[in-house]
Amino acid sequence: MGGALFVVHGRGRVPSAVDVLAWAMKRIGRGRIVLWEGASLWAFDVPRAPDVRHGTKAHAHHALQFTFSVGGAFAFRIGSETIEGPAVLIAPDVPHVYLAEGRNVILFVEPESRPGAMLLRDLAGRPFMRPDLATFEDLAADLTCIWDELRPDDATLASIGRALCERLADRDDGVPVVDPRIARVIERLRDDPDLRVTARAAAGIACLSESRFSHLFVDQIGLPFRTYMLWRRLSSAVDRMASGASLTNAAHEAGFADSAHFSRTFLRMFGIPASVLLMI
């Protein structure tokens, strides 16, 4: 998941943090977020600000991030490298800074999904790659409807997002299969709206000892079960806020201790305050 942009570096006059926050919060309304099983689509139109270069804080998250331009421009900072658009795919858990202006779209794909597994294979252990945008130009053009005067409904955007995922996963040769015991746990989590399953309970679902389950989960998914659950709760809270819930209610319903815990987690994983979701 990416999203709204905040100043990390200035050109010329450096505005105060309050000025920048007020400007960004005022303008972030020109965007949309829509989620479906295994993926989400975030789109923003970030206007050029005089004397300001805006971007997220450095952050990392569990999802693969495929970002492409629909008339705007963007770049990522990954370590000492700067990678510019028009299309960039970033691997899970890779720290990065996102800088952009104009209309850009971000597709977050969970690595456990079929398109996620294919993208991981294509990355072949690299932190990022630059896909050919020509492969997705027709779908990118379809997404300009986000900024039409008559805004499309979520079902329409989700349909385009799913088509994009299918385009990414148009072949499945050599895609690794998740161990069926871990796949059974992930499937059960999808049916758990409270997202409060403990590692011990998950190990029981997998019919493994807790220790063996923990090792196998890291081997298959790439991160500890507790961290994975934190990501799922975060995605659930974003989904609830996109549907109109308050930040406090979304955090509570997704299993966070309180809204502060959710806000800290969101900032760490996306590099922006969770409060920007209230402006969409």
C-alpha atoms as a PDB file:
ATOM      1  CA  MET A   1       0.000   0.000   0.000  1.00  0.00           C
ATOM      2  CA  GLY A   2       1.722   3.967  -0.792  1.00  0.00           C
ATOM      3  CA  GLY A   3      -0.573   6.877  -1.072  1.00  0.00           C
ATOM      4  CA  ALA A   4      -0.570  10.516  -0.124  1.00  0.00           C
ATOM      5  CA  LEU A   5       2.697  12.374  -0.158  1.00  0.00           C
ATOM      6  CA  PHE A   6       4.450  14.504   2.432  1.00  0.00           C
ATOM      7  CA  VAL A   7       7.563  16.635   2.250  1.00  0.00           C
ATOM      8  CA  VAL A   8      10.886  14.959   2.878  1.00  0.00           C
ATOM      9  CA  HIS A   9      13.147  17.369   0.987  1.00  0.00           C
ATOM     10  CA  GLY A  10      12.740  21.017  -0.007  1.00  0.00           C
ATOM     11  CA  ARG A  11      13.854  23.152  -2.925  1.00  0.00           C
ATOM     12  CA  GLY A  12      14.407  26.816  -2.155  1.00  0.00           C
ATOM     13  CA  ARG A  13      12.146  28.024   0.663  1.00  0.00           C
ATOM     14  CA  VAL A  14      11.458  25.258   3.148  1.00  0.00           C
ATOM     15  CA  PRO A  15       7.851  25.463   4.405  1.00  0.00           C
ATOM     16  CA  SER A  16       6.967  24.609   7.952  1.00  0.00           C
ATOM     17  CA  ALA A  17       5.658  21.129   8.780  1.00  0.00           C
ATOM     18  CA  VAL A  18       2.274  22.687   9.556  1.00  0.00           C
ATOM     19  CA  ASP A  19       2.159  24.418   6.142  1.00  0.00           C
ATOM     20  CA  VAL A  20       3.030  21.225   4.316  1.00  0.00           C
ATOM     21  CA  LEU A  21       0.571  19.098   6.286  1.00  0.00           C
ATOM     22  CA  ALA A  22      -2.241  21.586   5.698  1.00  0.00           C
ATOM     23  CA  TRP A  23      -1.469  21.737   1.967  1.00  0.00           C
ATOM     24  CA  ALA A  24      -1.275  17.956   1.576  1.00  0.00           C
ATOM     25  CA  MET A  25      -4.448  17.298   3.580  1.00  0.00           C
ATOM     26  CA  LYS A  26      -6.350  19.883   1.540  1.00  0.00           C
ATOM     27  CA  ARG A  27      -5.343  18.368  -1.804  1.00  0.00           C
ATOM     28  CA  ILE A  28      -5.357  14.657  -1.049  1.00  0.00           C
ATOM     29  CA  GLY A  29      -9.070  14.372  -1.811  1.00  0.00           C
ATOM     30  CA  ARG A  30      -8.333  13.732  -5.511  1.00  0.00           C
ATOM     31  CA  GLY A  31      -7.829  10.034  -5.061  1.00  0.00           C
ATOM     32  CA  ARG A  32      -9.409   6.666  -4.389  1.00  0.00           C
ATOM     33  CA  ILE A  33      -8.688   3.442  -2.551  1.00  0.00           C
ATOM     34  CA  VAL A  34     -10.434   0.180  -3.333  1.00  0.00           C
ATOM     35  CA  LEU A  35      -9.639  -3.237  -1.842  1.00  0.00           C
ATOM     36  CA  TRP A  36     -10.486  -6.813  -2.774  1.00  0.00           C
ATOM     37  CA  GLU A  37      -9.179 -10.196  -1.695  1.00  0.00           C
ATOM     38  CA  GLY A  38      -5.395 -10.283  -1.982  1.00  0.00           C
ATOM     39  CA  ALA A  39      -4.886  -6.822  -3.459  1.00  0.00           C
ATOM     40  CA  SER A  40      -5.789  -3.133  -3.329  1.00  0.00           C
ATOM     41  CA  LEU A  41      -5.594  -0.190  -5.686  1.00  0.00           C
ATOM     42  CA  TRP A  42      -4.621   3.310  -4.548  1.00  0.00           C
ATOM     43  CA  ALA A  43      -4.788   6.282  -6.918  1.00  0.00           C
ATOM     44  CA  PHE A  44      -3.864   9.908  -6.232  1.00  0.00           C
ATOM     45  CA  ASP A  45      -3.488  13.113  -8.183  1.00  0.00           C
ATOM     46  CA  VAL A  46      -0.756  15.038  -6.378  1.00  0.00           C
ATOM     47  CA  PRO A  47      -0.406  18.621  -7.668  1.00  0.00           C
ATOM     48  CA  ARG A  48       2.946  20.317  -7.997  1.00  0.00           C
ATOM     49  CA  ALA A  49       3.719  22.515  -5.000  1.00  0.00           C
ATOM     50  CA  PRO A  50       6.003  25.527  -5.492  1.00  0.00           C
ATOM     51  CA  ASP A  51       9.455  25.136  -3.940  1.00  0.00           C
ATOM     52  CA  VAL A  52       8.543  21.738  -2.503  1.00  0.00           C
ATOM     53  CA  ARG A  53       9.556  18.209  -3.370  1.00  0.00           C
ATOM     54  CA  HIS A  54       7.136  15.891  -1.656  1.00  0.00           C
ATOM     55  CA  GLY A  55       7.374  12.228  -0.748  1.00  0.00           C
ATOM     56  CA  THR A  56       6.705   9.671   1.936  1.00  0.00           C
ATOM     57  CA  LYS A  57       8.946   8.821   4.819  1.00  0.00           C
ATOM     58  CA  ALA A  58      11.113   5.745   4.324  1.00  0.00           C
ATOM     59  CA  HIS A  59       8.947   2.686   4.945  1.00  0.00           C
ATOM     60  CA  ALA A  60       8.451  -0.979   4.063  1.00  0.00           C
ATOM     61  CA  HIS A  61       5.436  -3.277   3.919  1.00  0.00           C
ATOM     62  CA  HIS A  62       4.503  -6.906   3.301  1.00  0.00           C
ATOM     63  CA  ALA A  63       2.787  -6.378  -0.067  1.00  0.00           C
ATOM     64  CA  LEU A  64       4.420  -6.178  -3.454  1.00  0.00           C
ATOM     65  CA  GLN A  65       3.990  -2.633  -4.786  1.00  0.00           C
ATOM     66  CA  PHE A  66       3.406  -2.080  -8.492  1.00  0.00           C
ATOM     67  CA  THR A  67       3.276   1.640  -9.303  1.00  0.00           C
ATOM     68  CA  PHE A  68       2.577   3.125 -12.712  1.00  0.00           C
ATOM     69  CA  SER A  69       1.859   6.528 -14.208  1.00  0.00           C
ATOM     70  CA  VAL A  70      -1.482   7.558 -15.669  1.00  0.00           C
ATOM     71  CA  GLY A  71      -0.196  10.959 -16.738  1.00  0.00           C
ATOM     72  CA  GLY A  72       1.893  11.846 -13.704  1.00  0.00           C
ATOM     73  CA  ALA A  73       5.490  11.191 -12.715  1.00  0.00           C
ATOM     74  CA  PHE A  74       7.111   9.429  -9.778  1.00  0.00           C
ATOM     75  CA  ALA A  75      10.359   8.013  -8.447  1.00  0.00           C
ATOM     76  CA  PHE A  76      11.478   5.732  -5.640  1.00  0.00           C
ATOM     77  CA  ARG A  77      14.555   5.980  -3.472  1.00  0.00           C
ATOM     78  CA  ILE A  78      15.802   2.537  -2.538  1.00  0.00           C
ATOM     79  CA  GLY A  79      19.089   2.694  -0.686  1.00  0.00           C
ATOM     80  CA  SER A  80      21.381   4.950  -2.694  1.00  0.00           C
ATOM     81  CA  GLU A  81      19.442   4.445  -5.946  1.00  0.00           C
ATOM     82  CA  THR A  82      16.701   6.593  -7.455  1.00  0.00           C
ATOM     83  CA  ILE A  83      14.335   4.651  -9.725  1.00  0.00           C
ATOM     84  CA  GLU A  84      11.945   6.628 -11.922  1.00  0.00           C
ATOM     85  CA  GLY A  85       8.684   5.549 -13.559  1.00  0.00           C
ATOM     86  CA  PRO A  86       6.609   5.117 -15.608  1.00  0.00           C
ATOM     87  CA  ALA A  87       6.294   1.624 -14.057  1.00  0.00           C
ATOM     88  CA  VAL A  88       8.144   0.137 -11.081  1.00  0.00           C
ATOM     89  CA  LEU A  89       7.603  -3.072  -9.113  1.00  0.00           C
ATOM     90  CA  ILE A  90       9.036  -3.249  -5.575  1.00  0.00           C
ATOM     91  CA  ALA A  91       9.490  -6.496  -3.649  1.00  0.00           C
ATOM     92  CA  PRO A  92       7.941  -7.034  -0.192  1.00  0.00           C
ATOM     93  CA  ASP A  93       9.691  -5.625   2.871  1.00  0.00           C
ATOM     94  CA  VAL A  94      12.055  -3.388   0.859  1.00  0.00           C
ATOM     95  CA  PRO A  95      12.510   0.036   2.534  1.00  0.00           C
ATOM     96  CA  HIS A  96      11.787   2.865   0.110  1.00  0.00           C
ATOM     97  CA  VAL A  97      10.781   6.508  -0.230  1.00  0.00           C
ATOM     98  CA  TYR A  98       8.068   7.355  -2.764  1.00  0.00           C
ATOM     99  CA  LEU A  99       8.037  10.759  -4.491  1.00  0.00           C
ATOM    100  CA  ALA A 100       5.406  11.758  -7.025  1.00  0.00           C
ATOM    101  CA  GLU A 101       3.321  14.411  -8.691  1.00  0.00           C
ATOM    102  CA  GLY A 102       0.303  14.203 -10.945  1.00  0.00           C
ATOM    103  CA  ARG A 103      -1.808  11.087 -11.481  1.00  0.00           C
ATOM    104  CA  ASN A 104      -0.242   7.791 -10.472  1.00  0.00           C
ATOM    105  CA  VAL A 105      -1.714   4.443  -9.455  1.00  0.00           C
ATOM    106  CA  ILE A 106      -0.381   1.933  -6.935  1.00  0.00           C
ATOM    107  CA  LEU A 107      -1.410  -1.707  -6.936  1.00  0.00           C
ATOM    108  CA  PHE A 108      -0.562  -3.616  -3.763  1.00  0.00           C
ATOM    109  CA  VAL A 109      -0.531  -7.390  -4.175  1.00  0.00           C
ATOM    110  CA  GLU A 110      -0.158  -9.880  -1.331  1.00  0.00           C
ATOM    111  CA  PRO A 111       2.753 -12.259  -2.016  1.00  0.00           C
ATOM    112  CA  GLU A 112       0.600 -15.293  -1.096  1.00  0.00           C
ATOM    113  CA  SER A 113      -1.817 -14.639  -3.981  1.00  0.00           C
ATOM    114  CA  ARG A 114      -1.359 -16.163  -7.443  1.00  0.00           C
ATOM    115  CA  PRO A 115      -0.286 -12.876  -9.099  1.00  0.00           C
ATOM    116  CA  GLY A 116       1.922 -12.186  -6.084  1.00  0.00           C
ATOM    117  CA  ALA A 117       3.701 -15.517  -6.468  1.00  0.00           C
ATOM    118  CA  MET A 118       4.286 -14.819 -10.162  1.00  0.00           C
ATOM    119  CA  LEU A 119       5.656 -11.361  -9.473  1.00  0.00           C
ATOM    120  CA  LEU A 120       8.007 -12.734  -6.829  1.00  0.00           C
ATOM    121  CA  ARG A 121       9.286 -15.210  -9.395  1.00  0.00           C
ATOM    122  CA  ASP A 122       9.845 -12.435 -11.925  1.00  0.00           C
ATOM    123  CA  LEU A 123      11.728 -10.373  -9.353  1.00  0.00           C
ATOM    124  CA  ALA A 124      14.062 -13.356  -8.774  1.00  0.00           C
ATOM    125  CA  GLY A 125      15.318 -11.971  -5.475  1.00  0.00           C
ATOM    126  CA  ARG A 126      15.846  -8.424  -6.752  1.00  0.00           C
ATOM    127  CA  PRO A 127      14.496  -5.511  -4.657  1.00  0.00           C
ATOM    128  CA  PHE A 128      12.776  -3.943  -7.690  1.00  0.00           C
ATOM    129  CA  MET A 129      12.262  -4.158 -11.439  1.00  0.00           C
ATOM    130  CA  ARG A 130      10.828  -1.890 -14.150  1.00  0.00           C
ATOM    131  CA  PRO A 131       8.037  -3.634 -16.106  1.00  0.00           C
ATOM    132  CA  ASP A 132       7.097  -2.434 -19.587  1.00  0.00           C
ATOM    133  CA  LEU A 133       4.140  -0.060 -19.161  1.00  0.00           C
ATOM    134  CA  ALA A 134       3.049  -0.794 -22.735  1.00  0.00           C
ATOM    135  CA  THR A 135       1.751  -4.128 -21.428  1.00  0.00           C
ATOM    136  CA  PHE A 136      -0.750  -2.251 -19.218  1.00  0.00           C
ATOM    137  CA  GLU A 137      -1.481   0.916 -21.218  1.00  0.00           C
ATOM    138  CA  ASP A 138      -5.105   0.034 -21.934  1.00  0.00           C
ATOM    139  CA  LEU A 139      -5.848  -0.643 -18.259  1.00  0.00           C
ATOM    140  CA  ALA A 140      -3.991   2.501 -17.224  1.00  0.00           C
ATOM    141  CA  ALA A 141      -6.186   4.466 -19.621  1.00  0.00           C
ATOM    142  CA  ASP A 142      -9.302   2.864 -18.109  1.00  0.00           C
ATOM    143  CA  LEU A 143      -8.232   4.073 -14.653  1.00  0.00           C
ATOM    144  CA  THR A 144      -8.377   7.737 -15.660  1.00  0.00           C
ATOM    145  CA  CYS A 145     -12.114   7.428 -14.881  1.00  0.00           C
ATOM    146  CA  ILE A 146     -11.104   7.878 -11.240  1.00  0.00           C
ATOM    147  CA  TRP A 147     -10.822  11.610 -11.885  1.00  0.00           C
ATOM    148  CA  ASP A 148     -13.945  12.004 -14.025  1.00  0.00           C
ATOM    149  CA  GLU A 149     -16.626  14.360 -12.783  1.00  0.00           C
ATOM    150  CA  LEU A 150     -18.903  11.354 -12.269  1.00  0.00           C
ATOM    151  CA  ARG A 151     -16.694   9.190 -10.090  1.00  0.00           C
ATOM    152  CA  PRO A 152     -16.874   5.418 -10.775  1.00  0.00           C
ATOM    153  CA  ASP A 153     -18.094   3.114  -8.022  1.00  0.00           C
ATOM    154  CA  ASP A 154     -15.808   0.746  -6.134  1.00  0.00           C
ATOM    155  CA  ALA A 155     -17.039  -2.296  -8.077  1.00  0.00           C
ATOM    156  CA  THR A 156     -15.909  -0.719 -11.353  1.00  0.00           C
ATOM    157  CA  LEU A 157     -12.469   0.125  -9.997  1.00  0.00           C
ATOM    158  CA  ALA A 158     -12.079  -3.300  -8.396  1.00  0.00           C
ATOM    159  CA  SER A 159     -12.937  -4.891 -11.735  1.00  0.00           C
ATOM    160  CA  ILE A 160     -10.163  -2.920 -13.447  1.00  0.00           C
ATOM    161  CA  GLY A 161      -7.798  -3.778 -10.592  1.00  0.00           C
ATOM    162  CA  ARG A 162      -8.567  -7.477 -10.913  1.00  0.00           C
ATOM    163  CA  ALA A 163      -7.975  -7.265 -14.662  1.00  0.00           C
ATOM    164  CA  LEU A 164      -4.596  -5.726 -13.942  1.00  0.00           C
ATOM    165  CA  CYS A 165      -3.778  -8.565 -11.536  1.00  0.00           C
ATOM    166  CA  GLU A 166      -4.787 -11.097 -14.167  1.00  0.00           C
ATOM    167  CA  ARG A 167      -2.574  -9.347 -16.702  1.00  0.00           C
ATOM    168  CA  LEU A 168       0.309  -9.617 -14.263  1.00  0.00           C
ATOM    169  CA  ALA A 169      -0.463 -13.312 -13.737  1.00  0.00           C
ATOM    170  CA  ASP A 170      -1.062 -14.256 -17.360  1.00  0.00           C
ATOM    171  CA  ARG A 171       1.175 -17.282 -17.021  1.00  0.00           C
ATOM    172  CA  ASP A 172       1.759 -19.630 -14.108  1.00  0.00           C
ATOM    173  CA  ASP A 173       4.627 -21.822 -15.229  1.00  0.00           C
ATOM    174  CA  GLY A 174       7.073 -22.420 -12.417  1.00  0.00           C
ATOM    175  CA  VAL A 175       5.099 -20.482  -9.802  1.00  0.00           C
ATOM    176  CA  PRO A 176       5.874 -22.005  -6.383  1.00  0.00           C
ATOM    177  CA  VAL A 177       2.987 -23.451  -4.401  1.00  0.00           C
ATOM    178  CA  VAL A 178       2.560 -22.547  -0.728  1.00  0.00           C
ATOM    179  CA  ASP A 179       2.812 -25.533   1.610  1.00  0.00           C
ATOM    180  CA  PRO A 180      -0.786 -26.803   2.035  1.00  0.00           C
ATOM    181  CA  ARG A 181      -0.543 -26.580   5.834  1.00  0.00           C
ATOM    182  CA  ILE A 182       0.344 -22.888   5.656  1.00  0.00           C
ATOM    183  CA  ALA A 183      -2.206 -22.333   2.887  1.00  0.00           C
ATOM    184  CA  ARG A 184      -4.866 -23.812   5.194  1.00  0.00           C
ATOM    185  CA  VAL A 185      -3.986 -21.266   7.893  1.00  0.00           C
ATOM    186  CA  ILE A 186      -4.105 -18.343   5.461  1.00  0.00           C
ATOM    187  CA  GLU A 187      -7.472 -19.497   4.145  1.00  0.00           C
ATOM    188  CA  ARG A 188      -8.831 -19.700   7.696  1.00  0.00           C
ATOM    189  CA  LEU A 189      -7.581 -16.168   8.400  1.00  0.00           C
ATOM    190  CA  ARG A 190      -9.579 -14.894   5.427  1.00  0.00           C
ATOM    191  CA  ASP A 191     -12.715 -16.158   7.154  1.00  0.00           C
ATOM    192  CA  ASP A 192     -11.822 -14.537  10.502  1.00  0.00           C
ATOM    193  CA  PRO A 193     -13.180 -10.964  10.614  1.00  0.00           C
ATOM    194  CA  ASP A 194     -11.644 -10.316  14.049  1.00  0.00           C
ATOM    195  CA  LEU A 195      -8.088 -11.290  12.970  1.00  0.00           C
ATOM    196  CA  ARG A 196      -7.226 -12.353  16.510  1.00  0.00           C
ATOM    197  CA  VAL A 197      -5.845 -15.825  15.738  1.00  0.00           C
ATOM    198  CA  THR A 198      -2.762 -16.544  17.855  1.00  0.00           C
ATOM    199  CA  ALA A 199       0.331 -18.417  16.679  1.00  0.00           C
ATOM    200  CA  ARG A 200      -0.700 -21.336  18.906  1.00  0.00           C
ATOM    201  CA  ALA A 201      -4.157 -21.484  17.343  1.00  0.00           C
ATOM    202  CA  ALA A 202      -2.663 -21.192  13.846  1.00  0.00           C
ATOM    203  CA  ALA A 203      -0.265 -24.044  14.610  1.00  0.00           C
ATOM    204  CA  GLY A 204      -3.282 -26.141  15.592  1.00  0.00           C
ATOM    205  CA  ILE A 205      -4.965 -25.380  12.261  1.00  0.00           C
ATOM    206  CA  ALA A 206      -1.767 -26.489  10.493  1.00  0.00           C
ATOM    207  CA  CYS A 207      -1.533 -29.620  12.715  1.00  0.00           C
ATOM    208  CA  LEU A 208       1.999 -28.662  13.721  1.00  0.00           C
ATOM    209  CA  SER A 209       3.776 -27.805  16.949  1.00  0.00           C
ATOM    210  CA  GLU A 210       3.980 -24.062  17.534  1.00  0.00           C
ATOM    211  CA  SER A 211       7.758 -24.114  17.055  1.00  0.00           C
ATOM    212  CA  ARG A 212       7.601 -26.074  13.799  1.00  0.00           C
ATOM    213  CA  PHE A 213       4.754 -23.899  12.542  1.00  0.00           C
ATOM    214  CA  SER A 214       6.695 -20.698  13.265  1.00  0.00           C
ATOM    215  CA  HIS A 215       9.724 -21.917  11.307  1.00  0.00           C
ATOM    216  CA  LEU A 216       7.638 -23.173   8.389  1.00  0.00           C
ATOM    217  CA  PHE A 217       5.586 -19.972   8.239  1.00  0.00           C
ATOM    218  CA  VAL A 218       8.703 -17.800   7.978  1.00  0.00           C
ATOM    219  CA  ASP A 219      10.151 -20.143   5.349  1.00  0.00           C
ATOM    220  CA  GLN A 220       6.973 -20.057   3.231  1.00  0.00           C
ATOM    221  CA  ILE A 221       5.724 -16.496   3.744  1.00  0.00           C
ATOM    222  CA  GLY A 222       8.954 -14.658   4.454  1.00  0.00           C
ATOM    223  CA  LEU A 223       8.073 -13.038   7.766  1.00  0.00           C
ATOM    224  CA  PRO A 224       6.951 -14.096  11.260  1.00  0.00           C
ATOM    225  CA  PHE A 225       3.298 -14.974  11.848  1.00  0.00           C
ATOM    226  CA  ARG A 226       2.832 -12.056  14.247  1.00  0.00           C
ATOM    227  CA  THR A 227       4.125  -9.571  11.649  1.00  0.00           C
ATOM    228  CA  TYR A 228       1.899 -11.110   8.994  1.00  0.00           C
ATOM    229  CA  MET A 229      -1.131 -10.741  11.268  1.00  0.00           C
ATOM    230  CA  LEU A 230      -0.230  -7.107  11.862  1.00  0.00           C
ATOM    231  CA  TRP A 231      -0.265  -6.565   8.103  1.00  0.00           C
ATOM    232  CA  ARG A 232      -3.665  -8.273   7.766  1.00  0.00           C
ATOM    233  CA  ARG A 233      -5.116  -6.134  10.564  1.00  0.00           C
ATOM    234  CA  LEU A 234      -3.732  -3.014   8.926  1.00  0.00           C
ATOM    235  CA  SER A 235      -5.308  -3.945   5.585  1.00  0.00           C
ATOM    236  CA  SER A 236      -8.605  -4.651   7.344  1.00  0.00           C
ATOM    237  CA  ALA A 237      -8.584  -1.236   9.039  1.00  0.00           C
ATOM    238  CA  VAL A 238      -7.841   0.518   5.726  1.00  0.00           C
ATOM    239  CA  ASP A 239     -10.736  -1.375   4.139  1.00  0.00           C
ATOM    240  CA  ARG A 240     -13.073  -0.225   6.908  1.00  0.00           C
ATOM    241  CA  MET A 241     -11.949   3.399   6.606  1.00  0.00           C
ATOM    242  CA  ALA A 242     -12.374   3.266   2.827  1.00  0.00           C
ATOM    243  CA  SER A 243     -15.960   2.167   3.529  1.00  0.00           C
ATOM    244  CA  GLY A 244     -16.591   5.170   5.776  1.00  0.00           C
ATOM    245  CA  ALA A 245     -15.587   4.041   9.276  1.00  0.00           C
ATOM    246  CA  SER A 246     -13.824   6.465  11.597  1.00  0.00           C
ATOM    247  CA  LEU A 247     -10.157   5.914  12.330  1.00  0.00           C
ATOM    248  CA  THR A 248     -10.962   4.860  15.901  1.00  0.00           C
ATOM    249  CA  ASN A 249     -13.699   2.408  14.935  1.00  0.00           C
ATOM    250  CA  ALA A 250     -11.670   0.952  12.073  1.00  0.00           C
ATOM    251  CA  ALA A 251      -8.689   0.377  14.361  1.00  0.00           C
ATOM    252  CA  HIS A 252     -10.813  -1.320  17.031  1.00  0.00           C
ATOM    253  CA  GLU A 253     -12.732  -3.520  14.577  1.00  0.00           C
ATOM    254  CA  ALA A 254      -9.482  -4.648  12.934  1.00  0.00           C
ATOM    255  CA  GLY A 255      -8.044  -5.814  16.252  1.00  0.00           C
ATOM    256  CA  PHE A 256      -5.702  -2.955  17.156  1.00  0.00           C
ATOM    257  CA  ALA A 257      -5.391  -2.058  20.827  1.00  0.00           C
ATOM    258  CA  ASP A 258      -6.326   1.552  20.027  1.00  0.00           C
ATOM    259  CA  SER A 259      -6.213   4.131  17.266  1.00  0.00           C
ATOM    260  CA  ALA A 260      -2.707   5.230  18.298  1.00  0.00           C
ATOM    261  CA  HIS A 261      -1.359   1.716  17.713  1.00  0.00           C
ATOM    262  CA  PHE A 262      -3.007   1.636  14.286  1.00  0.00           C
ATOM    263  CA  SER A 263      -1.676   5.103  13.411  1.00  0.00           C
ATOM    264  CA  ARG A 264       1.897   4.191  14.391  1.00  0.00           C
ATOM    265  CA  THR A 265       1.735   0.979  12.365  1.00  0.00           C
ATOM    266  CA  PHE A 266       0.274   2.733   9.324  1.00  0.00           C
ATOM    267  CA  LEU A 267       2.982   5.423   9.399  1.00  0.00           C
ATOM    268  CA  ARG A 268       5.727   2.807   9.711  1.00  0.00           C
ATOM    269  CA  MET A 269       4.422   0.684   6.826  1.00  0.00           C
ATOM    270  CA  PHE A 270       3.296   3.419   4.410  1.00  0.00           C
ATOM    271  CA  GLY A 271       5.327   6.459   5.401  1.00  0.00           C
ATOM    272  CA  ILE A 272       2.279   8.726   5.759  1.00  0.00           C
ATOM    273  CA  PRO A 273      -0.231   9.420   8.572  1.00  0.00           C
ATOM    274  CA  ALA A 274      -3.349   7.232   8.648  1.00  0.00           C
ATOM    275  CA  SER A 275      -5.420  10.415   8.982  1.00  0.00           C
ATOM    276  CA  VAL A 276      -4.983  11.097   5.238  1.00  0.00           C
ATOM    277  CA  LEU A 277      -7.460   8.260   4.622  1.00  0.00           C
ATOM    278  CA  LEU A 278     -10.185  10.441   6.113  1.00  0.00           C
ATOM    279  CA  MET A 279      -9.639  12.986   3.331  1.00  0.00           C
ATOM    280  CA  ILE A 280     -10.218  10.649   0.397  1.00  0.00           C
END
